[in-house]
C-alpha atoms as a PDB file:
ATOM      1  CA  MET A   1     -27.525 -15.182  54.940  1.00  0.00           C
ATOM      2  CA  GLU A   2     -24.425 -16.437  56.711  1.00  0.00           C
ATOM      3  CA  PRO A   3     -22.437 -19.211  54.997  1.00  0.00           C
ATOM      4  CA  VAL A   4     -22.510 -22.584  56.653  1.00  0.00           C
ATOM      5  CA  PRO A   5     -18.990 -23.345  58.011  1.00  0.00           C
ATOM      6  CA  ARG A   6     -17.366 -26.335  56.359  1.00  0.00           C
ATOM      7  CA  ARG A   7     -16.491 -29.228  58.599  1.00  0.00           C
ATOM      8  CA  PRO A   8     -12.819 -30.241  58.438  1.00  0.00           C
ATOM      9  CA  THR A   9     -12.193 -33.347  56.432  1.00  0.00           C
ATOM     10  CA  LEU A  10      -9.691 -36.099  57.075  1.00  0.00           C
ATOM     11  CA  TRP A  11      -7.460 -34.682  54.318  1.00  0.00           C
ATOM     12  CA  SER A  12      -7.472 -31.221  55.902  1.00  0.00           C
ATOM     13  CA  HIS A  13      -6.220 -32.734  59.169  1.00  0.00           C
ATOM     14  CA  ILE A  14      -3.496 -34.670  57.327  1.00  0.00           C
ATOM     15  CA  ARG A  15      -2.448 -31.599  55.368  1.00  0.00           C
ATOM     16  CA  GLY A  16      -2.296 -29.501  58.526  1.00  0.00           C
ATOM     17  CA  ALA A  17      -0.162 -32.136  60.249  1.00  0.00           C
ATOM     18  CA  LEU A  18       2.216 -32.290  57.273  1.00  0.00           C
ATOM     19  CA  LEU A  19       2.577 -28.507  57.172  1.00  0.00           C
ATOM     20  CA  LEU A  20       3.185 -28.390  60.914  1.00  0.00           C
ATOM     21  CA  GLY A  21       5.825 -31.111  60.549  1.00  0.00           C
ATOM     22  CA  VAL A  22       7.621 -29.175  57.802  1.00  0.00           C
ATOM     23  CA  LEU A  23       7.609 -26.019  59.934  1.00  0.00           C
ATOM     24  CA  LEU A  24       8.986 -27.864  62.960  1.00  0.00           C
ATOM     25  CA  ILE A  25      11.722 -29.521  60.898  1.00  0.00           C
ATOM     26  CA  ASN A  26      12.776 -26.180  59.415  1.00  0.00           C
ATOM     27  CA  PHE A  27      12.671 -24.580  62.838  1.00  0.00           C
ATOM     28  CA  CYS A  28      14.951 -27.253  64.304  1.00  0.00           C
ATOM     29  CA  GLN A  29      17.358 -27.184  61.347  1.00  0.00           C
ATOM     30  CA  GLY A  30      17.650 -23.405  61.413  1.00  0.00           C
ATOM     31  CA  LEU A  31      18.287 -23.019  65.124  1.00  0.00           C
ATOM     32  CA  PRO A  32      21.361 -20.827  65.711  1.00  0.00           C
ATOM     33  CA  VAL A  33      23.417 -23.483  67.487  1.00  0.00           C
ATOM     34  CA  PRO A  34      27.057 -22.444  67.095  1.00  0.00           C
ATOM     35  CA  ARG A  35      29.929 -24.838  67.678  1.00  0.00           C
ATOM     36  CA  ILE A  36      32.379 -22.596  69.478  1.00  0.00           C
ATOM     37  CA  GLU A  37      35.956 -23.730  69.011  1.00  0.00           C
ATOM     38  CA  ALA A  38      39.163 -22.718  70.755  1.00  0.00           C
ATOM     39  CA  LYS A  39      40.231 -20.626  67.756  1.00  0.00           C
ATOM     40  CA  HIS A  40      37.081 -18.512  68.154  1.00  0.00           C
ATOM     41  CA  ILE A  41      37.753 -17.745  71.807  1.00  0.00           C
ATOM     42  CA  ASP A  42      41.497 -17.225  71.400  1.00  0.00           C
ATOM     43  CA  ARG A  43      41.175 -14.500  68.767  1.00  0.00           C
ATOM     44  CA  PRO A  44      41.266 -10.894  70.078  1.00  0.00           C
ATOM     45  CA  SER A  45      37.511 -10.369  69.868  1.00  0.00           C
ATOM     46  CA  GLY A  46      36.922 -13.731  71.574  1.00  0.00           C
ATOM     47  CA  ARG A  47      39.227 -12.895  74.470  1.00  0.00           C
ATOM     48  CA  THR A  48      37.448  -9.564  74.902  1.00  0.00           C
ATOM     49  CA  ALA A  49      34.038 -11.251  74.956  1.00  0.00           C
ATOM     50  CA  LEU A  50      35.315 -13.866  77.417  1.00  0.00           C
ATOM     51  CA  GLN A  51      36.527 -11.145  79.757  1.00  0.00           C
ATOM     52  CA  GLN A  52      33.228  -9.268  79.513  1.00  0.00           C
ATOM     53  CA  TRP A  53      31.121 -12.354  80.236  1.00  0.00           C
ATOM     54  CA  GLY A  54      33.440 -13.331  83.071  1.00  0.00           C
ATOM     55  CA  ASN A  55      32.991  -9.914  84.632  1.00  0.00           C
ATOM     56  CA  VAL A  56      29.201 -10.191  84.338  1.00  0.00           C
ATOM     57  CA  LEU A  57      29.089 -13.655  85.943  1.00  0.00           C
ATOM     58  CA  ARG A  58      31.417 -12.695  88.763  1.00  0.00           C
ATOM     59  CA  ALA A  59      29.378  -9.542  89.386  1.00  0.00           C
ATOM     60  CA  VAL A  60      26.235 -11.620  90.022  1.00  0.00           C
ATOM     61  CA  GLY A  61      27.962 -14.052  92.362  1.00  0.00           C
ATOM     62  CA  PHE A  62      29.489 -16.803  90.207  1.00  0.00           C
ATOM     63  CA  ASP A  63      33.004 -17.692  91.335  1.00  0.00           C
ATOM     64  CA  ILE A  64      34.556 -18.543  87.982  1.00  0.00           C
ATOM     65  CA  THR A  65      37.829 -17.628  86.319  1.00  0.00           C
ATOM     66  CA  ASN A  66      38.241 -16.788  82.655  1.00  0.00           C
ATOM     67  CA  ASP A  67      40.029 -20.089  82.030  1.00  0.00           C
ATOM     68  CA  GLU A  68      37.211 -22.032  83.681  1.00  0.00           C
ATOM     69  CA  LEU A  69      34.639 -20.109  81.673  1.00  0.00           C
ATOM     70  CA  ARG A  70      36.567 -20.847  78.473  1.00  0.00           C
ATOM     71  CA  ASP A  71      36.648 -24.600  79.170  1.00  0.00           C
ATOM     72  CA  LEU A  72      32.977 -24.647  80.185  1.00  0.00           C
ATOM     73  CA  THR A  73      31.978 -22.773  77.016  1.00  0.00           C
ATOM     74  CA  LEU A  74      33.852 -25.196  74.777  1.00  0.00           C
ATOM     75  CA  GLU A  75      32.391 -28.227  76.579  1.00  0.00           C
ATOM     76  CA  LYS A  76      28.758 -27.071  76.543  1.00  0.00           C
ATOM     77  CA  SER A  77      28.920 -25.688  73.017  1.00  0.00           C
ATOM     78  CA  GLY A  78      30.214 -28.997  71.694  1.00  0.00           C
ATOM     79  CA  ALA A  79      27.564 -30.978  73.588  1.00  0.00           C
ATOM     80  CA  ILE A  80      24.706 -28.775  72.343  1.00  0.00           C
ATOM     81  CA  ALA A  81      25.991 -28.870  68.753  1.00  0.00           C
ATOM     82  CA  ASP A  82      26.257 -32.680  68.882  1.00  0.00           C
ATOM     83  CA  TRP A  83      22.704 -32.942  70.232  1.00  0.00           C
ATOM     84  CA  HIS A  84      21.418 -30.643  67.505  1.00  0.00           C
ATOM     85  CA  GLY A  85      23.227 -32.669  64.842  1.00  0.00           C
ATOM     86  CA  GLN A  86      21.613 -35.886  66.068  1.00  0.00           C
ATOM     87  CA  LEU A  87      18.198 -34.198  66.148  1.00  0.00           C
ATOM     88  CA  VAL A  88      18.231 -33.142  62.487  1.00  0.00           C
ATOM     89  CA  ALA A  89      20.336 -36.015  61.108  1.00  0.00           C
ATOM     90  CA  PRO A  90      17.329 -37.976  59.723  1.00  0.00           C
ATOM     91  CA  VAL A  91      16.195 -35.066  57.517  1.00  0.00           C
ATOM     92  CA  MET A  92      19.556 -33.518  56.591  1.00  0.00           C
ATOM     93  CA  PRO A  93      19.819 -35.456  53.281  1.00  0.00           C
ATOM     94  CA  ALA A  94      16.704 -33.634  52.077  1.00  0.00           C
ATOM     95  CA  PHE A  95      18.212 -30.236  52.964  1.00  0.00           C
ATOM     96  CA  HIS A  96      21.498 -31.223  51.339  1.00  0.00           C
ATOM     97  CA  HIS A  97      19.974 -32.318  48.020  1.00  0.00           C
ATOM     98  CA  THR A  98      17.542 -29.413  47.769  1.00  0.00           C
ATOM     99  CA  GLN A  99      20.046 -26.789  49.021  1.00  0.00           C
ATOM    100  CA  ILE A 100      17.386 -24.988  51.070  1.00  0.00           C
ATOM    101  CA  ARG A 101      19.382 -24.693  54.267  1.00  0.00           C
ATOM    102  CA  GLN A 102      19.398 -21.314  55.994  1.00  0.00           C
ATOM    103  CA  ARG A 103      20.859 -20.885  59.454  1.00  0.00           C
ATOM    104  CA  TRP A 104      19.873 -17.904  61.559  1.00  0.00           C
ATOM    105  CA  SER A 105      23.216 -17.091  63.156  1.00  0.00           C
ATOM    106  CA  LEU A 106      23.782 -14.081  60.908  1.00  0.00           C
ATOM    107  CA  PHE A 107      25.807 -11.192  62.351  1.00  0.00           C
ATOM    108  CA  ALA A 108      26.110 -12.925  65.703  1.00  0.00           C
ATOM    109  CA  SER A 109      28.820 -10.520  66.831  1.00  0.00           C
ATOM    110  CA  SER A 110      31.023  -7.769  65.517  1.00  0.00           C
ATOM    111  CA  ASP A 111      34.799  -7.922  65.280  1.00  0.00           C
ATOM    112  CA  PRO A 112      36.810  -4.797  66.158  1.00  0.00           C
ATOM    113  CA  HIS A 113      39.683  -6.241  64.061  1.00  0.00           C
ATOM    114  CA  PRO A 114      38.053  -6.439  60.588  1.00  0.00           C
ATOM    115  CA  TRP A 115      39.646  -7.333  57.262  1.00  0.00           C
ATOM    116  CA  TRP A 116      39.290  -4.714  54.501  1.00  0.00           C
ATOM    117  CA  ILE A 117      39.653  -6.013  50.953  1.00  0.00           C
ATOM    118  CA  HIS A 118      41.635  -3.873  48.479  1.00  0.00           C
ATOM    119  CA  ILE A 119      41.476  -4.518  44.736  1.00  0.00           C
ATOM    120  CA  GLU A 120      44.262  -2.646  42.946  1.00  0.00           C
ATOM    121  CA  GLY A 121      45.450  -2.426  39.372  1.00  0.00           C
ATOM    122  CA  ARG A 122      48.574  -1.464  37.475  1.00  0.00           C
ATOM    123  CA  PHE A 123      48.063   0.071  34.051  1.00  0.00           C
ATOM    124  CA  ASP A 124      50.195   0.040  30.936  1.00  0.00           C
ATOM    125  CA  GLY A 125      53.191   2.355  31.280  1.00  0.00           C
ATOM    126  CA  GLU A 126      52.899   2.673  35.069  1.00  0.00           C
ATOM    127  CA  ASP A 127      55.034   1.150  37.823  1.00  0.00           C
ATOM    128  CA  GLU A 128      52.729   1.575  40.816  1.00  0.00           C
ATOM    129  CA  TYR A 129      49.411  -0.046  41.648  1.00  0.00           C
ATOM    130  CA  GLN A 130      46.419   2.192  42.139  1.00  0.00           C
ATOM    131  CA  LEU A 131      43.314   1.433  44.153  1.00  0.00           C
ATOM    132  CA  LEU A 132      40.363   0.322  42.010  1.00  0.00           C
ATOM    133  CA  TRP A 133      37.808  -0.763  44.594  1.00  0.00           C
ATOM    134  CA  ARG A 134      37.364  -1.327  48.285  1.00  0.00           C
ATOM    135  CA  PRO A 135      34.151  -1.330  50.345  1.00  0.00           C
ATOM    136  CA  MET A 136      32.801   1.939  51.702  1.00  0.00           C
ATOM    137  CA  ASP A 137      35.094   4.094  49.574  1.00  0.00           C
ATOM    138  CA  PRO A 138      33.263   6.352  47.069  1.00  0.00           C
ATOM    139  CA  GLU A 139      36.564   7.290  45.421  1.00  0.00           C
ATOM    140  CA  ALA A 140      37.482   3.669  44.638  1.00  0.00           C
ATOM    141  CA  ASP A 141      34.335   2.452  42.927  1.00  0.00           C
ATOM    142  CA  VAL A 142      35.409   0.456  39.845  1.00  0.00           C
ATOM    143  CA  LEU A 143      32.705  -2.176  39.284  1.00  0.00           C
ATOM    144  CA  GLN A 144      31.266  -1.277  42.681  1.00  0.00           C
ATOM    145  CA  THR A 145      27.803  -2.677  41.909  1.00  0.00           C
ATOM    146  CA  THR A 146      29.315  -6.009  40.885  1.00  0.00           C
ATOM    147  CA  PHE A 147      31.598  -6.450  43.889  1.00  0.00           C
ATOM    148  CA  GLU A 148      28.990  -5.348  46.414  1.00  0.00           C
ATOM    149  CA  TYR A 149      26.331  -7.737  45.142  1.00  0.00           C
ATOM    150  CA  ARG A 150      25.208  -9.620  48.247  1.00  0.00           C
ATOM    151  CA  ARG A 151      26.031 -13.113  46.964  1.00  0.00           C
ATOM    152  CA  LEU A 152      29.475 -12.068  45.790  1.00  0.00           C
ATOM    153  CA  ARG A 153      30.087 -10.253  49.062  1.00  0.00           C
ATOM    154  CA  GLY A 154      29.558 -13.513  50.888  1.00  0.00           C
ATOM    155  CA  ILE A 155      32.626 -14.909  49.066  1.00  0.00           C
ATOM    156  CA  TRP A 156      35.194 -12.133  49.366  1.00  0.00           C
ATOM    157  CA  ASN A 157      34.250 -11.153  52.924  1.00  0.00           C
ATOM    158  CA  PRO A 158      36.527 -13.385  55.045  1.00  0.00           C
ATOM    159  CA  GLY A 159      35.970 -14.926  58.424  1.00  0.00           C
ATOM    160  CA  ALA A 160      38.012 -13.736  61.353  1.00  0.00           C
ATOM    161  CA  GLU A 161      41.185 -15.649  60.473  1.00  0.00           C
ATOM    162  CA  GLU A 162      40.563 -17.472  57.194  1.00  0.00           C
ATOM    163  CA  LEU A 163      39.279 -16.945  53.673  1.00  0.00           C
ATOM    164  CA  ARG A 164      36.113 -18.490  52.312  1.00  0.00           C
ATOM    165  CA  GLY A 165      36.357 -21.766  50.431  1.00  0.00           C
ATOM    166  CA  ASP A 166      35.301 -20.127  47.142  1.00  0.00           C
ATOM    167  CA  HIS A 167      37.943 -17.399  47.358  1.00  0.00           C
ATOM    168  CA  PRO A 168      40.126 -18.834  44.521  1.00  0.00           C
ATOM    169  CA  ARG A 169      37.143 -18.658  42.187  1.00  0.00           C
ATOM    170  CA  PHE A 170      36.513 -15.085  43.289  1.00  0.00           C
ATOM    171  CA  LEU A 171      40.098 -14.195  42.385  1.00  0.00           C
ATOM    172  CA  ARG A 172      39.716 -15.696  38.913  1.00  0.00           C
ATOM    173  CA  PHE A 173      36.421 -13.879  38.414  1.00  0.00           C
ATOM    174  CA  THR A 174      37.919 -10.578  39.590  1.00  0.00           C
ATOM    175  CA  THR A 175      40.957 -10.676  37.342  1.00  0.00           C
ATOM    176  CA  ASN A 176      38.967 -11.844  34.322  1.00  0.00           C
ATOM    177  CA  ILE A 177      36.310  -9.148  34.594  1.00  0.00           C
ATOM    178  CA  LEU A 178      38.826  -6.371  35.291  1.00  0.00           C
ATOM    179  CA  PHE A 179      41.012  -7.342  32.334  1.00  0.00           C
ATOM    180  CA  GLU A 180      37.883  -7.437  30.173  1.00  0.00           C
ATOM    181  CA  GLU A 181      36.518  -4.069  31.325  1.00  0.00           C
ATOM    182  CA  LEU A 182      39.862  -2.202  31.497  1.00  0.00           C
ATOM    183  CA  PRO A 183      41.898  -2.825  28.319  1.00  0.00           C
ATOM    184  CA  ASP A 184      44.949  -0.875  29.588  1.00  0.00           C
ATOM    185  CA  LEU A 185      45.150  -2.889  32.797  1.00  0.00           C
ATOM    186  CA  VAL A 186      48.215  -5.148  32.889  1.00  0.00           C
ATOM    187  CA  ALA A 187      48.197  -6.481  36.468  1.00  0.00           C
ATOM    188  CA  VAL A 188      45.748  -6.956  39.350  1.00  0.00           C
ATOM    189  CA  ARG A 189      46.532  -7.191  43.041  1.00  0.00           C
ATOM    190  CA  VAL A 190      44.019  -8.333  45.662  1.00  0.00           C
ATOM    191  CA  ARG A 191      44.954  -8.112  49.333  1.00  0.00           C
ATOM    192  CA  TYR A 192      43.378  -7.581  52.748  1.00  0.00           C
ATOM    193  CA  LYS A 193      44.187  -4.938  55.316  1.00  0.00           C
ATOM    194  CA  ARG A 194      43.523  -5.507  59.000  1.00  0.00           C
ATOM    195  CA  PHE A 195      43.167  -2.655  61.446  1.00  0.00           C
ATOM    196  CA  TYR A 196      41.568  -1.887  64.787  1.00  0.00           C
ATOM    197  CA  VAL A 197      38.217  -0.129  65.149  1.00  0.00           C
ATOM    198  CA  HIS A 198      38.594   1.995  68.263  1.00  0.00           C
ATOM    199  CA  ILE A 199      35.795   1.641  70.795  1.00  0.00           C
ATOM    200  CA  PRO A 200      35.214   4.702  73.021  1.00  0.00           C
ATOM    201  CA  GLY A 201      36.437   4.037  76.524  1.00  0.00           C
ATOM    202  CA  ASP A 202      38.664   1.150  75.427  1.00  0.00           C
ATOM    203  CA  GLY A 203      41.985   2.827  76.093  1.00  0.00           C
ATOM    204  CA  PRO A 204      44.161   4.613  73.538  1.00  0.00           C
ATOM    205  CA  PRO A 205      43.563   3.915  69.829  1.00  0.00           C
ATOM    206  CA  ASN A 206      45.512   1.015  68.361  1.00  0.00           C
ATOM    207  CA  GLU A 207      47.226   2.168  65.173  1.00  0.00           C
ATOM    208  CA  HIS A 208      48.586  -1.265  64.220  1.00  0.00           C
ATOM    209  CA  GLU A 209      47.837  -2.403  60.659  1.00  0.00           C
ATOM    210  CA  GLU A 210      48.770  -5.520  58.735  1.00  0.00           C
ATOM    211  CA  TRP A 211      48.331  -6.918  55.225  1.00  0.00           C
ATOM    212  CA  ARG A 212      47.535 -10.522  54.376  1.00  0.00           C
ATOM    213  CA  TRP A 213      46.455 -12.867  51.573  1.00  0.00           C
ATOM    214  CA  GLU A 214      48.042 -10.895  48.744  1.00  0.00           C
ATOM    215  CA  HIS A 215      47.361 -12.268  45.271  1.00  0.00           C
ATOM    216  CA  ARG A 216      48.693 -10.911  41.971  1.00  0.00           C
ATOM    217  CA  ASP A 217      47.744 -11.769  38.426  1.00  0.00           C
ATOM    218  CA  HIS A 218      49.137 -10.466  35.140  1.00  0.00           C
ATOM    219  CA  ARG A 219      47.499 -10.205  31.769  1.00  0.00           C
ATOM    220  CA  ASP A 220      48.941 -12.306  28.960  1.00  0.00           C
ATOM    221  CA  PRO A 221      50.910  -9.762  26.828  1.00  0.00           C
ATOM    222  CA  SER A 222      49.744 -11.280  23.530  1.00  0.00           C
ATOM    223  CA  GLN A 223      46.131 -11.228  24.699  1.00  0.00           C
ATOM    224  CA  ARG A 224      46.494  -7.580  25.791  1.00  0.00           C
ATOM    225  CA  ARG A 225      47.803  -6.547  22.358  1.00  0.00           C
ATOM    226  CA  GLU A 226      44.951  -8.318  20.624  1.00  0.00           C
ATOM    227  CA  GLU A 227      42.374  -6.546  22.779  1.00  0.00           C
ATOM    228  CA  LEU A 228      43.962  -3.159  22.253  1.00  0.00           C
ATOM    229  CA  GLN A 229      43.876  -3.658  18.488  1.00  0.00           C
ATOM    230  CA  ARG A 230      40.112  -4.288  18.413  1.00  0.00           C
END
């Protein structure tokens, strides 16, 4: 005996409309609408992308220079971002108070000039710093599981030209946990190394390297003696 299908009620229609509304709101809020700024285009990776897109457009018949493409990109990006902001403005307080925002513009592009964090330590009786941890280095793996935790990685992994807003708290966390786990450690140094990832066919390799955002912290001598006596 086949079951008799239930007829939809008024409440089922209302519930379906509410669910559809929630899905549409989340879809609109999560759209990957980037606001491209001049600093994004003027960085090395941005200039390379601008040249590549200019070559593609000119190859299909568009008479446009790189400078014109740059100005057009900034203008249209700003206009689209403003439109998107106005679209979701009525519901943004709900996303702000519930902290359920999630944009989809993850890993939008790669940067051939990455920053590589180095966490180094100087131990009691030594003059030189030694490498404790850096990503993708199996020989420098002190507290590797902690530092590579995905939520912590989102703090120490910088943008192209600036550190994350929570970076000072990351520095305090790093020094505190290292001094706690390594009793003989007397100083911590955190700094970032920038280098060039060579792309095949992109001319000779670029060997230039630079260091930035160096931070040092020293253990309180009286605190160190107390911990060593435990």
